[in-house]
Amino acid sequence: MKLFIDTSNKKFILAIVNDENSIIDFLMKDTNNDMIKNSISMIKKFVDKNKVNLNDINEYMITIGPGSFTGVKVALNIVRTINLVNPVNKIYTINTFNLIDDKEKRYTAIPFGKNKFYLKDKKRVFKKVKIISEFEKIKKDEVNFGYDNFTKEKLMKKIKNNSFKLLDNLDKVNIEYLRNF
């Protein structure tokens, strides 16, 4: 059994995934300032609702950003804490851009701050990420805006396509923060 946790941005996402890589249950809700305080209890309620014991979960999948400093650390620290009590067999990670990417759109934008976005242009050679505050030179229909179109089915596709990378060392995770300028 696997548990997917994404706390990196403005959505709190959980999914329980069975050994055949099918999603049993999926939760996505807006976060607010109490995400840290409520994340453990939300995970507990989510697994209890599905009659899953945390001891039955032997693999975790988490996002590693870009995202807010606190948000990226929440999922990572939850898995680290669980690992102390109940050693985890495997931990997989995925970059937020890779998770929410829409293959049909040229740009992916992750909102941060007020009216600012981290923008990834897939047609650029280096696929550079830059900060923008206005889209005057970019057609909005070419932009995937954060989690606006993210669904259980899109997560399932990422899992089935092996988009997650196996983490070798839980203490050496390269996380990416959004820097608010």
Protein backbone atom coordinates (compact mmCIF):
# COMPACT_ATOMS: atom_id res chain seq x y z
CA MET A 1 0.00 0.00 0.00
CA LYS A 2 1.21 3.52 -0.83
CA LEU A 3 0.31 7.00 0.41
CA PHE A 4 0.75 10.08 -1.78
CA ILE A 5 1.17 13.40 0.08
CA ASP A 6 1.45 16.84 -1.52
CA THR A 7 1.67 19.84 0.79
CA SER A 8 3.96 21.96 -1.37
CA ASN A 9 1.47 24.55 -2.60
CA LYS A 10 -2.04 25.88 -2.07
CA LYS A 11 -3.63 22.43 -2.19
CA PHE A 12 -3.36 19.60 0.31
CA ILE A 13 -3.51 16.35 -1.62
CA LEU A 14 -3.66 12.79 -0.33
CA ALA A 15 -4.15 9.52 -2.18
CA ILE A 16 -4.09 5.91 -1.08
CA VAL A 17 -2.69 3.67 -3.80
CA ASN A 18 -2.94 -0.11 -3.78
CA ASP A 19 -0.22 -2.56 -4.82
CA GLU A 20 -1.59 -2.61 -8.39
CA ASN A 21 -1.02 1.18 -8.56
CA SER A 22 -4.72 2.02 -8.58
CA ILE A 23 -5.95 4.91 -6.47
CA ILE A 24 -8.32 3.74 -3.74
CA ASP A 25 -9.17 7.23 -2.51
CA PHE A 26 -8.16 10.79 -3.37
CA LEU A 27 -8.51 14.03 -1.41
CA MET A 28 -7.65 17.51 -2.63
CA LYS A 29 -8.55 20.57 -0.62
CA ASP A 30 -7.46 24.17 -0.35
CA THR A 31 -4.94 24.89 2.36
CA ASN A 32 -4.82 27.75 4.76
CA ASN A 33 -2.46 28.82 7.50
CA ASP A 34 -3.31 25.83 9.69
CA MET A 35 -2.03 23.17 7.27
CA ILE A 36 0.88 22.28 9.56
CA LYS A 37 -1.35 21.93 12.57
CA ASN A 38 -3.99 19.86 10.76
CA SER A 39 -1.96 17.76 8.31
CA ILE A 40 -1.35 14.84 10.68
CA SER A 41 -4.99 14.67 11.78
CA MET A 42 -6.16 14.92 8.16
CA ILE A 43 -3.92 12.02 7.16
CA LYS A 44 -5.15 10.00 10.14
CA LYS A 45 -8.81 10.64 9.25
CA PHE A 46 -8.13 9.83 5.60
CA VAL A 47 -6.48 6.47 6.26
CA ASP A 48 -9.06 5.59 8.95
CA LYS A 49 -11.90 6.37 6.55
CA ASN A 50 -10.38 3.86 4.14
CA LYS A 51 -9.78 1.29 6.87
CA VAL A 52 -6.04 1.41 6.28
CA ASN A 53 -3.53 1.15 9.09
CA LEU A 54 -0.39 3.29 8.76
CA ASN A 55 1.59 0.09 9.38
CA ASP A 56 0.12 -1.29 6.13
CA ILE A 57 1.63 1.59 4.14
CA ASN A 58 5.12 0.60 3.07
CA GLU A 59 5.71 3.19 0.33
CA TYR A 60 5.25 6.95 0.27
CA MET A 61 5.14 9.39 -2.64
CA ILE A 62 5.76 13.09 -1.98
CA THR A 63 6.28 16.29 -3.95
CA ILE A 64 9.58 18.10 -3.47
CA GLY A 65 8.61 21.50 -4.88
CA PRO A 66 8.90 24.05 -6.13
CA GLY A 67 6.55 25.17 -3.43
CA SER A 68 6.38 27.19 -0.25
CA PHE A 69 9.22 26.66 2.23
CA THR A 70 6.88 25.37 4.91
CA GLY A 71 4.65 23.40 2.55
CA VAL A 72 7.49 21.44 0.95
CA LYS A 73 8.88 20.55 4.38
CA VAL A 74 5.54 19.35 5.82
CA ALA A 75 5.18 16.20 3.68
CA LEU A 76 8.88 15.42 3.96
CA ASN A 77 8.85 15.74 7.75
CA ILE A 78 5.70 13.64 8.07
CA VAL A 79 7.38 10.81 6.16
CA ARG A 80 10.60 11.22 8.16
CA THR A 81 8.62 11.00 11.41
CA ILE A 82 6.69 7.92 10.28
CA ASN A 83 9.98 6.35 9.21
CA LEU A 84 11.35 6.70 12.75
CA VAL A 85 8.46 4.72 14.21
CA ASN A 86 7.69 2.38 11.32
CA PRO A 87 10.56 2.09 8.82
CA VAL A 88 9.37 2.79 5.29
CA ASN A 89 10.39 0.44 2.46
CA LYS A 90 10.40 3.00 -0.35
CA ILE A 91 9.93 6.72 -0.74
CA TYR A 92 9.31 8.26 -4.14
CA THR A 93 9.51 11.94 -5.06
CA ILE A 94 8.24 14.10 -7.88
CA ASN A 95 8.85 17.72 -8.82
CA THR A 96 5.70 19.87 -8.69
CA PHE A 97 6.09 20.94 -12.33
CA ASN A 98 6.29 17.28 -13.38
CA LEU A 99 3.25 16.40 -11.28
CA ILE A 100 0.92 19.09 -12.64
CA ASP A 101 2.34 19.29 -16.16
CA ASP A 102 -0.20 19.33 -18.96
CA LYS A 103 1.48 17.91 -22.07
CA GLU A 104 -0.84 19.89 -24.34
CA LYS A 105 0.09 23.28 -22.93
CA ARG A 106 3.37 25.07 -23.49
CA TYR A 107 3.61 26.67 -20.05
CA THR A 108 3.05 25.53 -16.49
CA ALA A 109 2.56 28.25 -13.86
CA ILE A 110 2.75 27.74 -10.11
CA PRO A 111 1.20 30.65 -8.21
CA PHE A 112 2.97 32.17 -5.21
CA GLY A 113 2.54 35.43 -3.39
CA LYS A 114 0.07 37.94 -4.74
CA ASN A 115 -0.26 37.81 -8.53
CA LYS A 116 3.12 36.15 -9.07
CA PHE A 117 3.86 32.86 -10.79
CA TYR A 118 6.79 30.54 -11.33
CA LEU A 119 6.55 29.83 -15.03
CA LYS A 120 8.09 26.90 -16.88
CA ASP A 121 8.33 27.14 -20.67
CA LYS A 122 8.61 23.64 -22.16
CA LYS A 123 9.80 24.94 -25.54
CA ARG A 124 12.92 26.59 -24.13
CA VAL A 125 16.08 24.55 -24.54
CA PHE A 126 16.95 24.66 -20.84
CA LYS A 127 13.30 24.62 -19.72
CA LYS A 128 14.15 27.58 -17.54
CA VAL A 129 11.81 28.64 -14.76
CA LYS A 130 11.17 32.35 -14.33
CA ILE A 131 9.04 34.61 -12.20
CA ILE A 132 6.32 36.65 -13.85
CA SER A 133 3.49 38.82 -12.60
CA GLU A 134 1.62 39.44 -15.85
CA PHE A 135 0.77 37.30 -18.85
CA GLU A 136 0.59 40.07 -21.47
CA LYS A 137 2.98 38.29 -23.88
CA ILE A 138 1.67 34.80 -23.24
CA LYS A 139 -1.60 33.37 -24.48
CA LYS A 140 -3.50 32.21 -21.42
CA ASP A 141 -4.85 29.17 -23.27
CA GLU A 142 -1.24 27.93 -23.51
CA VAL A 143 -0.81 28.01 -19.70
CA ASN A 144 -1.57 25.29 -17.19
CA PHE A 145 -2.29 27.23 -13.99
CA GLY A 146 -1.10 25.25 -10.98
CA TYR A 147 -3.54 22.68 -9.71
CA ASP A 148 -6.57 24.16 -11.50
CA ASN A 149 -6.92 21.09 -13.73
CA PHE A 150 -5.24 18.51 -11.52
CA THR A 151 -7.37 15.44 -10.89
CA LYS A 152 -7.25 11.94 -9.48
CA GLU A 153 -6.94 10.67 -13.06
CA LYS A 154 -3.88 12.84 -13.73
CA LEU A 155 -2.22 11.55 -10.57
CA MET A 156 -3.05 8.00 -11.64
CA LYS A 157 -1.39 8.60 -15.01
CA LYS A 158 1.77 9.90 -13.30
CA ILE A 159 1.88 6.81 -11.09
CA LYS A 160 1.28 4.40 -13.99
CA ASN A 161 3.95 6.15 -16.12
CA ASN A 162 6.55 5.81 -13.34
CA SER A 163 6.98 9.61 -13.15
CA PHE A 164 8.13 9.35 -9.53
CA LYS A 165 11.79 8.80 -8.66
CA LEU A 166 12.91 6.41 -5.95
CA LEU A 167 14.66 8.28 -3.15
CA ASP A 168 17.94 6.72 -2.04
CA ASN A 169 18.44 8.67 1.17
CA LEU A 170 15.71 10.38 3.16
CA ASP A 171 18.26 12.77 4.64
CA LYS A 172 19.48 13.99 1.25
CA VAL A 173 16.40 15.29 -0.50
CA ASN A 174 16.80 18.15 -2.99
CA ILE A 175 13.72 20.23 -2.27
CA GLU A 176 12.85 23.40 -4.18
CA TYR A 177 11.31 26.46 -2.58
CA LEU A 178 9.46 29.30 -4.23
CA ARG A 179 11.24 32.47 -3.31
CA ASN A 180 8.92 35.38 -2.90
CA PHE A 181 10.63 38.55 -4.17
